[in-house]
Amino acid sequence: MRLRRGGMATLNMGYYLDRGYSNLIALWRSEGWLRFEPRKDPPLTWLATASGAPSGVQQYRLSGSRDMYELMLQASVDFAQGIAPPFMETADSVAALSVVFAGYEAASSGAATAVQ
């Protein structure tokens, strides 16, 4: 992927049923990486090696013991019942799906695909 400021990255995403419902989104760059695993603690970890970045792996933890997958699922149920707003707005959902489908297109065609 070519990023907005000219950097290059690779994106790896998966939902692995044989690993106990393991989700993974990983973004790899020459100057570090970011991993989002909603069922892990901590769910968000990253390493930036650019000058001025904090040294070592950084982590973001949720308060409480619930994992992010459970929180997103509960938010979806609450929205469907009309008792809470959606956890993600339509524009954010479209942006996420645009990345997914651009990845499918690039994998299928073997050519770069722009994310709209």
PDB file of N, CA and C in Angstrom:
ATOM      1  N   MET A   1       0.846  -1.172   0.000  1.00  0.00           N
ATOM      2  CA  MET A   1       0.000   0.000   0.000  1.00  0.00           C
ATOM      3  C   MET A   1       0.891   1.234   0.000  1.00  0.00           C
ATOM      4  N   ARG A   2       0.514   2.228  -0.788  1.00  0.00           N
ATOM      5  CA  ARG A   2       1.185   3.521  -0.727  1.00  0.00           C
ATOM      6  C   ARG A   2       0.338   4.417   0.164  1.00  0.00           C
ATOM      7  N   LEU A   3       0.929   4.918   1.219  1.00  0.00           N
ATOM      8  CA  LEU A   3       0.205   5.732   2.182  1.00  0.00           C
ATOM      9  C   LEU A   3       0.173   7.193   1.754  1.00  0.00           C
ATOM     10  N   ARG A   4      -0.713   7.947   2.336  1.00  0.00           N
ATOM     11  CA  ARG A   4      -0.967   9.327   1.944  1.00  0.00           C
ATOM     12  C   ARG A   4       0.298  10.181   1.915  1.00  0.00           C
ATOM     13  N   ARG A   5       1.191   9.992   2.868  1.00  0.00           N
ATOM     14  CA  ARG A   5       2.412  10.809   2.926  1.00  0.00           C
ATOM     15  C   ARG A   5       3.578  10.151   2.196  1.00  0.00           C
ATOM     16  N   GLY A   6       3.295   9.167   1.342  1.00  0.00           N
ATOM     17  CA  GLY A   6       4.325   8.573   0.500  1.00  0.00           C
ATOM     18  C   GLY A   6       4.949   7.305   1.035  1.00  0.00           C
ATOM     19  N   GLY A   7       4.671   6.937   2.278  1.00  0.00           N
ATOM     20  CA  GLY A   7       5.226   5.708   2.833  1.00  0.00           C
ATOM     21  C   GLY A   7       4.617   4.478   2.181  1.00  0.00           C
ATOM     22  N   MET A   8       5.294   3.363   2.305  1.00  0.00           N
ATOM     23  CA  MET A   8       4.804   2.094   1.773  1.00  0.00           C
ATOM     24  C   MET A   8       4.541   1.151   2.940  1.00  0.00           C
ATOM     25  N   ALA A   9       3.526   0.297   2.788  1.00  0.00           N
ATOM     26  CA  ALA A   9       3.173  -0.642   3.853  1.00  0.00           C
ATOM     27  C   ALA A   9       2.521  -1.871   3.249  1.00  0.00           C
ATOM     28  N   THR A  10       2.526  -2.949   4.003  1.00  0.00           N
ATOM     29  CA  THR A  10       1.760  -4.130   3.630  1.00  0.00           C
ATOM     30  C   THR A  10       0.701  -4.345   4.705  1.00  0.00           C
ATOM     31  N   LEU A  11      -0.428  -4.877   4.296  1.00  0.00           N
ATOM     32  CA  LEU A  11      -1.554  -5.101   5.194  1.00  0.00           C
ATOM     33  C   LEU A  11      -1.876  -6.586   5.209  1.00  0.00           C
ATOM     34  N   ASN A  12      -2.000  -7.144   6.404  1.00  0.00           N
ATOM     35  CA  ASN A  12      -2.373  -8.542   6.578  1.00  0.00           C
ATOM     36  C   ASN A  12      -3.585  -8.575   7.488  1.00  0.00           C
ATOM     37  N   MET A  13      -4.659  -9.231   7.019  1.00  0.00           N
ATOM     38  CA  MET A  13      -5.864  -9.338   7.839  1.00  0.00           C
ATOM     39  C   MET A  13      -6.360 -10.776   7.762  1.00  0.00           C
ATOM     40  N   GLY A  14      -6.941 -11.249   8.840  1.00  0.00           N
ATOM     41  CA  GLY A  14      -7.478 -12.596   8.800  1.00  0.00           C
ATOM     42  C   GLY A  14      -8.384 -12.885   9.977  1.00  0.00           C
ATOM     43  N   TYR A  15      -9.210 -13.889   9.773  1.00  0.00           N
ATOM     44  CA  TYR A  15     -10.105 -14.400  10.812  1.00  0.00           C
ATOM     45  C   TYR A  15      -9.863 -15.903  10.831  1.00  0.00           C
ATOM     46  N   TYR A  16      -9.150 -16.370  11.826  1.00  0.00           N
ATOM     47  CA  TYR A  16      -8.659 -17.733  11.846  1.00  0.00           C
ATOM     48  C   TYR A  16      -9.496 -18.599  12.793  1.00  0.00           C
ATOM     49  N   LEU A  17     -10.377 -19.409  12.238  1.00  0.00           N
ATOM     50  CA  LEU A  17     -11.254 -20.236  13.067  1.00  0.00           C
ATOM     51  C   LEU A  17     -10.499 -21.348  13.776  1.00  0.00           C
ATOM     52  N   ASP A  18      -9.445 -21.892  13.140  1.00  0.00           N
ATOM     53  CA  ASP A  18      -8.731 -22.992  13.765  1.00  0.00           C
ATOM     54  C   ASP A  18      -7.844 -22.545  14.918  1.00  0.00           C
ATOM     55  N   ARG A  19      -7.818 -21.260  15.204  1.00  0.00           N
ATOM     56  CA  ARG A  19      -7.017 -20.710  16.299  1.00  0.00           C
ATOM     57  C   ARG A  19      -7.896 -20.146  17.413  1.00  0.00           C
ATOM     58  N   GLY A  20      -9.096 -20.650  17.558  1.00  0.00           N
ATOM     59  CA  GLY A  20      -9.965 -20.159  18.617  1.00  0.00           C
ATOM     60  C   GLY A  20     -10.558 -18.802  18.312  1.00  0.00           C
ATOM     61  N   TYR A  21     -11.030 -18.613  17.085  1.00  0.00           N
ATOM     62  CA  TYR A  21     -11.645 -17.355  16.661  1.00  0.00           C
ATOM     63  C   TYR A  21     -10.684 -16.184  16.792  1.00  0.00           C
ATOM     64  N   SER A  22      -9.511 -16.328  16.250  1.00  0.00           N
ATOM     65  CA  SER A  22      -8.483 -15.299  16.320  1.00  0.00           C
ATOM     66  C   SER A  22      -8.641 -14.316  15.163  1.00  0.00           C
ATOM     67  N   ASN A  23      -8.739 -13.043  15.468  1.00  0.00           N
ATOM     68  CA  ASN A  23      -8.780 -11.971  14.479  1.00  0.00           C
ATOM     69  C   ASN A  23      -7.421 -11.284  14.453  1.00  0.00           C
ATOM     70  N   LEU A  24      -7.023 -10.813  13.296  1.00  0.00           N
ATOM     71  CA  LEU A  24      -5.762 -10.086  13.205  1.00  0.00           C
ATOM     72  C   LEU A  24      -5.831  -9.071  12.083  1.00  0.00           C
ATOM     73  N   ILE A  25      -5.398  -7.869  12.377  1.00  0.00           N
ATOM     74  CA  ILE A  25      -5.147  -6.847  11.370  1.00  0.00           C
ATOM     75  C   ILE A  25      -3.741  -6.344  11.667  1.00  0.00           C
ATOM     76  N   ALA A  26      -2.838  -6.485  10.703  1.00  0.00           N
ATOM     77  CA  ALA A  26      -1.456  -6.039  10.894  1.00  0.00           C
ATOM     78  C   ALA A  26      -1.045  -5.158   9.729  1.00  0.00           C
ATOM     79  N   LEU A  27      -0.413  -4.055  10.041  1.00  0.00           N
ATOM     80  CA  LEU A  27       0.111  -3.137   9.050  1.00  0.00           C
ATOM     81  C   LEU A  27       1.621  -3.087   9.263  1.00  0.00           C
ATOM     82  N   TRP A  28       2.373  -3.465   8.237  1.00  0.00           N
ATOM     83  CA  TRP A  28       3.830  -3.528   8.316  1.00  0.00           C
ATOM     84  C   TRP A  28       4.430  -2.415   7.469  1.00  0.00           C
ATOM     85  N   ARG A  29       5.349  -1.653   8.052  1.00  0.00           N
ATOM     86  CA  ARG A  29       6.054  -0.582   7.328  1.00  0.00           C
ATOM     87  C   ARG A  29       7.548  -0.732   7.561  1.00  0.00           C
ATOM     88  N   SER A  30       8.315  -0.027   6.770  1.00  0.00           N
ATOM     89  CA  SER A  30       9.764  -0.058   6.966  1.00  0.00           C
ATOM     90  C   SER A  30      10.148   0.614   8.285  1.00  0.00           C
ATOM     91  N   GLU A  31       9.284   1.477   8.794  1.00  0.00           N
ATOM     92  CA  GLU A  31       9.567   2.181  10.049  1.00  0.00           C
ATOM     93  C   GLU A  31       8.682   1.706  11.191  1.00  0.00           C
ATOM     94  N   GLY A  32       8.277   0.429  11.149  1.00  0.00           N
ATOM     95  CA  GLY A  32       7.522  -0.116  12.262  1.00  0.00           C
ATOM     96  C   GLY A  32       6.304  -0.894  11.820  1.00  0.00           C
ATOM     97  N   TRP A  33       5.434  -1.225  12.768  1.00  0.00           N
ATOM     98  CA  TRP A  33       4.242  -2.026  12.499  1.00  0.00           C
ATOM     99  C   TRP A  33       3.149  -1.687  13.499  1.00  0.00           C
ATOM    100  N   LEU A  34       1.931  -2.093  13.161  1.00  0.00           N
ATOM    101  CA  LEU A  34       0.762  -1.936  14.027  1.00  0.00           C
ATOM    102  C   LEU A  34      -0.041  -3.218  13.953  1.00  0.00           C
ATOM    103  N   ARG A  35      -0.449  -3.755  15.099  1.00  0.00           N
ATOM    104  CA  ARG A  35      -1.261  -4.977  15.147  1.00  0.00           C
ATOM    105  C   ARG A  35      -2.521  -4.715  15.970  1.00  0.00           C
ATOM    106  N   PHE A  36      -3.660  -5.112  15.421  1.00  0.00           N
ATOM    107  CA  PHE A  36      -4.935  -5.028  16.133  1.00  0.00           C
ATOM    108  C   PHE A  36      -5.500  -6.440  16.220  1.00  0.00           C
ATOM    109  N   GLU A  37      -5.592  -6.940  17.441  1.00  0.00           N
ATOM    110  CA  GLU A  37      -6.146  -8.263  17.707  1.00  0.00           C
ATOM    111  C   GLU A  37      -7.222  -8.098  18.780  1.00  0.00           C
ATOM    112  N   PRO A  38      -8.492  -7.936  18.366  1.00  0.00           N
ATOM    113  CA  PRO A  38      -9.536  -7.548  19.313  1.00  0.00           C
ATOM    114  C   PRO A  38      -9.781  -8.524  20.455  1.00  0.00           C
ATOM    115  N   ARG A  39      -9.383  -9.775  20.339  1.00  0.00           N
ATOM    116  CA  ARG A  39      -9.620 -10.736  21.417  1.00  0.00           C
ATOM    117  C   ARG A  39      -8.406 -10.924  22.305  1.00  0.00           C
ATOM    118  N   LYS A  40      -7.358 -10.156  22.092  1.00  0.00           N
ATOM    119  CA  LYS A  40      -6.132 -10.253  22.893  1.00  0.00           C
ATOM    120  C   LYS A  40      -6.049  -9.105  23.880  1.00  0.00           C
ATOM    121  N   ASP A  41      -5.203  -9.260  24.878  1.00  0.00           N
ATOM    122  CA  ASP A  41      -4.935  -8.186  25.817  1.00  0.00           C
ATOM    123  C   ASP A  41      -3.429  -7.966  25.845  1.00  0.00           C
ATOM    124  N   PRO A  42      -2.933  -6.866  25.371  1.00  0.00           N
ATOM    125  CA  PRO A  42      -3.640  -5.704  24.857  1.00  0.00           C
ATOM    126  C   PRO A  42      -4.075  -5.920  23.409  1.00  0.00           C
ATOM    127  N   PRO A  43      -5.197  -5.322  23.004  1.00  0.00           N
ATOM    128  CA  PRO A  43      -5.684  -5.532  21.640  1.00  0.00           C
ATOM    129  C   PRO A  43      -4.918  -4.746  20.579  1.00  0.00           C
ATOM    130  N   LEU A  44      -4.271  -3.656  20.963  1.00  0.00           N
ATOM    131  CA  LEU A  44      -3.584  -2.812  19.994  1.00  0.00           C
ATOM    132  C   LEU A  44      -2.131  -2.642  20.431  1.00  0.00           C
ATOM    133  N   THR A  45      -1.203  -3.051  19.561  1.00  0.00           N
ATOM    134  CA  THR A  45       0.223  -2.872  19.821  1.00  0.00           C
ATOM    135  C   THR A  45       0.879  -2.296  18.573  1.00  0.00           C
ATOM    136  N   TRP A  46       1.935  -1.535  18.771  1.00  0.00           N
ATOM    137  CA  TRP A  46       2.640  -0.982  17.628  1.00  0.00           C
ATOM    138  C   TRP A  46       4.086  -0.699  17.995  1.00  0.00           C
ATOM    139  N   LEU A  47       4.914  -0.627  16.962  1.00  0.00           N
ATOM    140  CA  LEU A  47       6.312  -0.278  17.099  1.00  0.00           C
ATOM    141  C   LEU A  47       6.644   0.721  15.999  1.00  0.00           C
ATOM    142  N   ALA A  48       7.144   1.858  16.383  1.00  0.00           N
ATOM    143  CA  ALA A  48       7.564   2.871  15.413  1.00  0.00           C
ATOM    144  C   ALA A  48       9.068   3.054  15.573  1.00  0.00           C
ATOM    145  N   THR A  49       9.799   2.970  14.484  1.00  0.00           N
ATOM    146  CA  THR A  49      11.251   3.098  14.549  1.00  0.00           C
ATOM    147  C   THR A  49      11.748   4.405  13.951  1.00  0.00           C
ATOM    148  N   ALA A  50      10.832   5.275  13.555  1.00  0.00           N
ATOM    149  CA  ALA A  50      11.228   6.571  13.004  1.00  0.00           C
ATOM    150  C   ALA A  50      11.847   7.430  14.103  1.00  0.00           C
ATOM    151  N   SER A  51      12.691   8.376  13.710  1.00  0.00           N
ATOM    152  CA  SER A  51      13.308   9.248  14.709  1.00  0.00           C
ATOM    153  C   SER A  51      12.235  10.028  15.455  1.00  0.00           C
ATOM    154  N   GLY A  52      12.410  10.124  16.746  1.00  0.00           N
ATOM    155  CA  GLY A  52      11.446  10.831  17.582  1.00  0.00           C
ATOM    156  C   GLY A  52      10.319   9.964  18.118  1.00  0.00           C
ATOM    157  N   ALA A  53      10.206   8.717  17.645  1.00  0.00           N
ATOM    158  CA  ALA A  53       9.148   7.818  18.121  1.00  0.00           C
ATOM    159  C   ALA A  53       9.556   7.218  19.467  1.00  0.00           C
ATOM    160  N   PRO A  54       8.584   6.884  20.312  1.00  0.00           N
ATOM    161  CA  PRO A  54       8.917   6.212  21.571  1.00  0.00           C
ATOM    162  C   PRO A  54       9.635   4.894  21.286  1.00  0.00           C
ATOM    163  N   SER A  55      10.578   4.527  22.136  1.00  0.00           N
ATOM    164  CA  SER A  55      11.308   3.282  21.912  1.00  0.00           C
ATOM    165  C   SER A  55      10.503   2.093  22.423  1.00  0.00           C
ATOM    166  N   GLY A  56      10.653   0.973  21.753  1.00  0.00           N
ATOM    167  CA  GLY A  56       9.999  -0.260  22.170  1.00  0.00           C
ATOM    168  C   GLY A  56       8.562  -0.369  21.687  1.00  0.00           C
ATOM    169  N   VAL A  57       7.971  -1.519  21.962  1.00  0.00           N
ATOM    170  CA  VAL A  57       6.594  -1.799  21.579  1.00  0.00           C
ATOM    171  C   VAL A  57       5.651  -1.003  22.472  1.00  0.00           C
ATOM    172  N   GLN A  58       4.716  -0.319  21.852  1.00  0.00           N
ATOM    173  CA  GLN A  58       3.703   0.453  22.573  1.00  0.00           C
ATOM    174  C   GLN A  58       2.417  -0.366  22.622  1.00  0.00           C
ATOM    175  N   GLN A  59       1.638  -0.192  23.686  1.00  0.00           N
ATOM    176  CA  GLN A  59       0.415  -0.973  23.852  1.00  0.00           C
ATOM    177  C   GLN A  59      -0.743  -0.074  24.251  1.00  0.00           C
ATOM    178  N   TYR A  60      -1.938  -0.477  23.813  1.00  0.00           N
ATOM    179  CA  TYR A  60      -3.164   0.191  24.248  1.00  0.00           C
ATOM    180  C   TYR A  60      -4.062  -0.868  24.849  1.00  0.00           C
ATOM    181  N   ARG A  61      -4.417  -0.703  26.107  1.00  0.00           N
ATOM    182  CA  ARG A  61      -5.289  -1.646  26.806  1.00  0.00           C
ATOM    183  C   ARG A  61      -6.649  -1.023  27.061  1.00  0.00           C
ATOM    184  N   LEU A  62      -7.657  -1.872  27.098  1.00  0.00           N
ATOM    185  CA  LEU A  62      -8.995  -1.444  27.482  1.00  0.00           C
ATOM    186  C   LEU A  62      -9.106  -1.418  28.989  1.00  0.00           C
ATOM    187  N   SER A  63      -9.951  -0.554  29.504  1.00  0.00           N
ATOM    188  CA  SER A  63     -10.240  -0.636  30.928  1.00  0.00           C
ATOM    189  C   SER A  63     -11.243  -1.762  31.128  1.00  0.00           C
ATOM    190  N   GLY A  64     -11.121  -2.492  32.182  1.00  0.00           N
ATOM    191  CA  GLY A  64     -12.014  -3.619  32.426  1.00  0.00           C
ATOM    192  C   GLY A  64     -11.498  -4.884  31.774  1.00  0.00           C
ATOM    193  N   SER A  65     -12.267  -5.960  31.865  1.00  0.00           N
ATOM    194  CA  SER A  65     -11.786  -7.255  31.401  1.00  0.00           C
ATOM    195  C   SER A  65     -12.406  -7.708  30.085  1.00  0.00           C
ATOM    196  N   ARG A  66     -13.324  -6.951  29.503  1.00  0.00           N
ATOM    197  CA  ARG A  66     -13.982  -7.386  28.266  1.00  0.00           C
ATOM    198  C   ARG A  66     -13.089  -7.145  27.073  1.00  0.00           C
ATOM    199  N   ASP A  67     -13.095  -8.087  26.129  1.00  0.00           N
ATOM    200  CA  ASP A  67     -12.274  -7.897  24.937  1.00  0.00           C
ATOM    201  C   ASP A  67     -13.020  -7.028  23.919  1.00  0.00           C
ATOM    202  N   MET A  68     -12.277  -6.491  22.953  1.00  0.00           N
ATOM    203  CA  MET A  68     -12.860  -5.559  21.989  1.00  0.00           C
ATOM    204  C   MET A  68     -13.899  -6.210  21.091  1.00  0.00           C
ATOM    205  N   TYR A  69     -13.694  -7.469  20.750  1.00  0.00           N
ATOM    206  CA  TYR A  69     -14.679  -8.166  19.923  1.00  0.00           C
ATOM    207  C   TYR A  69     -16.017  -8.224  20.648  1.00  0.00           C
ATOM    208  N   GLU A  70     -15.980  -8.541  21.920  1.00  0.00           N
ATOM    209  CA  GLU A  70     -17.213  -8.586  22.714  1.00  0.00           C
ATOM    210  C   GLU A  70     -17.859  -7.209  22.790  1.00  0.00           C
ATOM    211  N   LEU A  71     -17.058  -6.168  22.956  1.00  0.00           N
ATOM    212  CA  LEU A  71     -17.596  -4.810  23.020  1.00  0.00           C
ATOM    213  C   LEU A  71     -18.257  -4.399  21.700  1.00  0.00           C
ATOM    214  N   MET A  72     -17.615  -4.732  20.561  1.00  0.00           N
ATOM    215  CA  MET A  72     -18.202  -4.394  19.255  1.00  0.00           C
ATOM    216  C   MET A  72     -19.495  -5.177  19.023  1.00  0.00           C
ATOM    217  N   LEU A  73     -19.502  -6.450  19.403  1.00  0.00           N
ATOM    218  CA  LEU A  73     -20.702  -7.268  19.243  1.00  0.00           C
ATOM    219  C   LEU A  73     -21.840  -6.730  20.109  1.00  0.00           C
ATOM    220  N   GLN A  74     -21.544  -6.382  21.365  1.00  0.00           N
ATOM    221  CA  GLN A  74     -22.578  -5.843  22.250  1.00  0.00           C
ATOM    222  C   GLN A  74     -23.102  -4.516  21.727  1.00  0.00           C
ATOM    223  N   ALA A  75     -22.207  -3.671  21.203  1.00  0.00           N
ATOM    224  CA  ALA A  75     -22.640  -2.390  20.640  1.00  0.00           C
ATOM    225  C   ALA A  75     -23.561  -2.607  19.449  1.00  0.00           C
ATOM    226  N   SER A  76     -23.284  -3.620  18.634  1.00  0.00           N
ATOM    227  CA  SER A  76     -24.147  -3.929  17.482  1.00  0.00           C
ATOM    228  C   SER A  76     -25.525  -4.387  17.940  1.00  0.00           C
ATOM    229  N   VAL A  77     -25.567  -5.220  18.960  1.00  0.00           N
ATOM    230  CA  VAL A  77     -26.845  -5.694  19.498  1.00  0.00           C
ATOM    231  C   VAL A  77     -27.624  -4.531  20.101  1.00  0.00           C
ATOM    232  N   ASP A  78     -26.936  -3.683  20.857  1.00  0.00           N
ATOM    233  CA  ASP A  78     -27.604  -2.523  21.467  1.00  0.00           C
ATOM    234  C   ASP A  78     -28.182  -1.595  20.400  1.00  0.00           C
ATOM    235  N   PHE A  79     -27.440  -1.379  19.307  1.00  0.00           N
ATOM    236  CA  PHE A  79     -27.940  -0.544  18.224  1.00  0.00           C
ATOM    237  C   PHE A  79     -29.161  -1.185  17.572  1.00  0.00           C
ATOM    238  N   ALA A  80     -29.099  -2.490  17.322  1.00  0.00           N
ATOM    239  CA  ALA A  80     -30.219  -3.201  16.686  1.00  0.00           C
ATOM    240  C   ALA A  80     -31.475  -3.117  17.550  1.00  0.00           C
ATOM    241  N   GLN A  81     -31.299  -3.051  18.856  1.00  0.00           N
ATOM    242  CA  GLN A  81     -32.435  -2.934  19.770  1.00  0.00           C
ATOM    243  C   GLN A  81     -32.896  -1.492  19.941  1.00  0.00           C
ATOM    244  N   GLY A  82     -32.161  -0.552  19.353  1.00  0.00           N
ATOM    245  CA  GLY A  82     -32.544   0.850  19.446  1.00  0.00           C
ATOM    246  C   GLY A  82     -32.195   1.508  20.759  1.00  0.00           C
ATOM    247  N   ILE A  83     -31.259   0.956  21.513  1.00  0.00           N
ATOM    248  CA  ILE A  83     -30.930   1.522  22.831  1.00  0.00           C
ATOM    249  C   ILE A  83     -29.571   2.228  22.863  1.00  0.00           C
ATOM    250  N   ALA A  84     -28.844   2.233  21.725  1.00  0.00           N
ATOM    251  CA  ALA A  84     -27.542   2.901  21.684  1.00  0.00           C
ATOM    252  C   ALA A  84     -27.223   3.276  20.242  1.00  0.00           C
ATOM    253  N   PRO A  85     -26.366   4.270  20.068  1.00  0.00           N
ATOM    254  CA  PRO A  85     -25.943   4.626  18.712  1.00  0.00           C
ATOM    255  C   PRO A  85     -25.005   3.543  18.160  1.00  0.00           C
ATOM    256  N   PRO A  86     -24.800   3.518  16.848  1.00  0.00           N
ATOM    257  CA  PRO A  86     -23.867   2.536  16.293  1.00  0.00           C
ATOM    258  C   PRO A  86     -22.444   2.820  16.775  1.00  0.00           C
ATOM    259  N   PHE A  87     -21.634   1.775  16.912  1.00  0.00           N
ATOM    260  CA  PHE A  87     -20.254   2.000  17.345  1.00  0.00           C
ATOM    261  C   PHE A  87     -19.392   2.530  16.202  1.00  0.00           C
ATOM    262  N   MET A  88     -19.926   2.446  14.968  1.00  0.00           N
ATOM    263  CA  MET A  88     -19.208   2.939  13.797  1.00  0.00           C
ATOM    264  C   MET A  88     -20.221   3.604  12.884  1.00  0.00           C
ATOM    265  N   GLU A  89     -19.884   4.806  12.407  1.00  0.00           N
ATOM    266  CA  GLU A  89     -20.771   5.517  11.498  1.00  0.00           C
ATOM    267  C   GLU A  89     -20.669   4.938  10.085  1.00  0.00           C
ATOM    268  N   THR A  90     -21.647   5.234   9.253  1.00  0.00           N
ATOM    269  CA  THR A  90     -21.704   4.705   7.893  1.00  0.00           C
ATOM    270  C   THR A  90     -20.446   5.034   7.095  1.00  0.00           C
ATOM    271  N   ALA A  91     -19.979   6.268   7.164  1.00  0.00           N
ATOM    272  CA  ALA A  91     -18.788   6.668   6.401  1.00  0.00           C
ATOM    273  C   ALA A  91     -17.567   5.845   6.814  1.00  0.00           C
ATOM    274  N   ASP A  92     -17.437   5.551   8.107  1.00  0.00           N
ATOM    275  CA  ASP A  92     -16.314   4.732   8.582  1.00  0.00           C
ATOM    276  C   ASP A  92     -16.429   3.303   8.079  1.00  0.00           C
ATOM    277  N   SER A  93     -17.650   2.780   8.053  1.00  0.00           N
ATOM    278  CA  SER A  93     -17.873   1.427   7.539  1.00  0.00           C
ATOM    279  C   SER A  93     -17.535   1.345   6.063  1.00  0.00           C
ATOM    280  N   VAL A  94     -17.943   2.345   5.297  1.00  0.00           N
ATOM    281  CA  VAL A  94     -17.645   2.373   3.861  1.00  0.00           C
ATOM    282  C   VAL A  94     -16.139   2.456   3.646  1.00  0.00           C
ATOM    283  N   ALA A  95     -15.448   3.267   4.429  1.00  0.00           N
ATOM    284  CA  ALA A  95     -13.993   3.388   4.299  1.00  0.00           C
ATOM    285  C   ALA A  95     -13.310   2.051   4.589  1.00  0.00           C
ATOM    286  N   ALA A  96     -13.748   1.361   5.644  1.00  0.00           N
ATOM    287  CA  ALA A  96     -13.165   0.055   5.973  1.00  0.00           C
ATOM    288  C   ALA A  96     -13.413  -0.954   4.864  1.00  0.00           C
ATOM    289  N   LEU A  97     -14.626  -0.993   4.341  1.00  0.00           N
ATOM    290  CA  LEU A  97     -14.938  -1.924   3.257  1.00  0.00           C
ATOM    291  C   LEU A  97     -14.193  -1.572   1.975  1.00  0.00           C
ATOM    292  N   SER A  98     -13.943  -0.287   1.742  1.00  0.00           N
ATOM    293  CA  SER A  98     -13.174   0.122   0.567  1.00  0.00           C
ATOM    294  C   SER A  98     -11.766  -0.466   0.616  1.00  0.00           C
ATOM    295  N   VAL A  99     -11.154  -0.473   1.793  1.00  0.00           N
ATOM    296  CA  VAL A  99      -9.822  -1.060   1.953  1.00  0.00           C
ATOM    297  C   VAL A  99      -9.876  -2.563   1.693  1.00  0.00           C
ATOM    298  N   VAL A 100     -10.883  -3.230   2.254  1.00  0.00           N
ATOM    299  CA  VAL A 100     -11.015  -4.676   2.078  1.00  0.00           C
ATOM    300  C   VAL A 100     -11.190  -5.032   0.608  1.00  0.00           C
ATOM    301  N   PHE A 101     -12.107  -4.365  -0.091  1.00  0.00           N
ATOM    302  CA  PHE A 101     -12.371  -4.705  -1.486  1.00  0.00           C
ATOM    303  C   PHE A 101     -11.231  -4.284  -2.411  1.00  0.00           C
ATOM    304  N   ALA A 102     -10.514  -3.216  -2.074  1.00  0.00           N
ATOM    305  CA  ALA A 102      -9.326  -2.858  -2.858  1.00  0.00           C
ATOM    306  C   ALA A 102      -8.270  -3.945  -2.703  1.00  0.00           C
ATOM    307  N   GLY A 103      -8.155  -4.501  -1.506  1.00  0.00           N
ATOM    308  CA  GLY A 103      -7.222  -5.613  -1.295  1.00  0.00           C
ATOM    309  C   GLY A 103      -7.605  -6.838  -2.100  1.00  0.00           C
ATOM    310  N   TYR A 104      -8.900  -7.171  -2.128  1.00  0.00           N
ATOM    311  CA  TYR A 104      -9.371  -8.294  -2.951  1.00  0.00           C
ATOM    312  C   TYR A 104      -9.046  -8.067  -4.424  1.00  0.00           C
ATOM    313  N   GLU A 105      -9.305  -6.848  -4.908  1.00  0.00           N
ATOM    314  CA  GLU A 105      -9.062  -6.525  -6.313  1.00  0.00           C
ATOM    315  C   GLU A 105      -7.574  -6.622  -6.641  1.00  0.00           C
ATOM    316  N   ALA A 106      -6.731  -6.081  -5.766  1.00  0.00           N
ATOM    317  CA  ALA A 106      -5.288  -6.130  -6.009  1.00  0.00           C
ATOM    318  C   ALA A 106      -4.785  -7.572  -6.008  1.00  0.00           C
ATOM    319  N   ALA A 107      -5.283  -8.382  -5.095  1.00  0.00           N
ATOM    320  CA  ALA A 107      -4.872  -9.791  -5.042  1.00  0.00           C
ATOM    321  C   ALA A 107      -5.329 -10.544  -6.282  1.00  0.00           C
ATOM    322  N   SER A 108      -6.517 -10.241  -6.748  1.00  0.00           N
ATOM    323  CA  SER A 108      -7.075 -10.924  -7.915  1.00  0.00           C
ATOM    324  C   SER A 108      -6.382 -10.516  -9.209  1.00  0.00           C
ATOM    325  N   SER A 109      -6.109  -9.233  -9.357  1.00  0.00           N
ATOM    326  CA  SER A 109      -5.551  -8.724 -10.615  1.00  0.00           C
ATOM    327  C   SER A 109      -4.031  -8.721 -10.633  1.00  0.00           C
ATOM    328  N   GLY A 110      -3.425  -8.729  -9.445  1.00  0.00           N
ATOM    329  CA  GLY A 110      -1.973  -8.625  -9.390  1.00  0.00           C
ATOM    330  C   GLY A 110      -1.462  -7.227  -9.621  1.00  0.00           C
ATOM    331  N   ALA A 111      -2.376  -6.262  -9.650  1.00  0.00           N
ATOM    332  CA  ALA A 111      -2.003  -4.864  -9.897  1.00  0.00           C
ATOM    333  C   ALA A 111      -2.423  -3.987  -8.720  1.00  0.00           C
ATOM    334  N   ALA A 112      -1.772  -2.863  -8.598  1.00  0.00           N
ATOM    335  CA  ALA A 112      -2.132  -1.907  -7.556  1.00  0.00           C
ATOM    336  C   ALA A 112      -3.558  -1.421  -7.750  1.00  0.00           C
ATOM    337  N   THR A 113      -4.271  -1.231  -6.655  1.00  0.00           N
ATOM    338  CA  THR A 113      -5.643  -0.759  -6.691  1.00  0.00           C
ATOM    339  C   THR A 113      -5.777   0.405  -5.736  1.00  0.00           C
ATOM    340  N   ALA A 114      -6.300   1.516  -6.209  1.00  0.00           N
ATOM    341  CA  ALA A 114      -6.495   2.681  -5.366  1.00  0.00           C
ATOM    342  C   ALA A 114      -7.687   2.472  -4.445  1.00  0.00           C
ATOM    343  N   VAL A 115      -7.558   2.941  -3.211  1.00  0.00           N
ATOM    344  CA  VAL A 115      -8.664   2.922  -2.269  1.00  0.00           C
ATOM    345  C   VAL A 115      -9.415   4.228  -2.422  1.00  0.00           C
ATOM    346  N   GLN A 116     -10.714   4.127  -2.713  1.00  0.00           N
ATOM    347  CA  GLN A 116     -11.524   5.329  -2.940  1.00  0.00           C
ATOM    348  C   GLN A 116     -11.966   5.912  -1.622  1.00  0.00           C
TER     349      GLN A 116
END
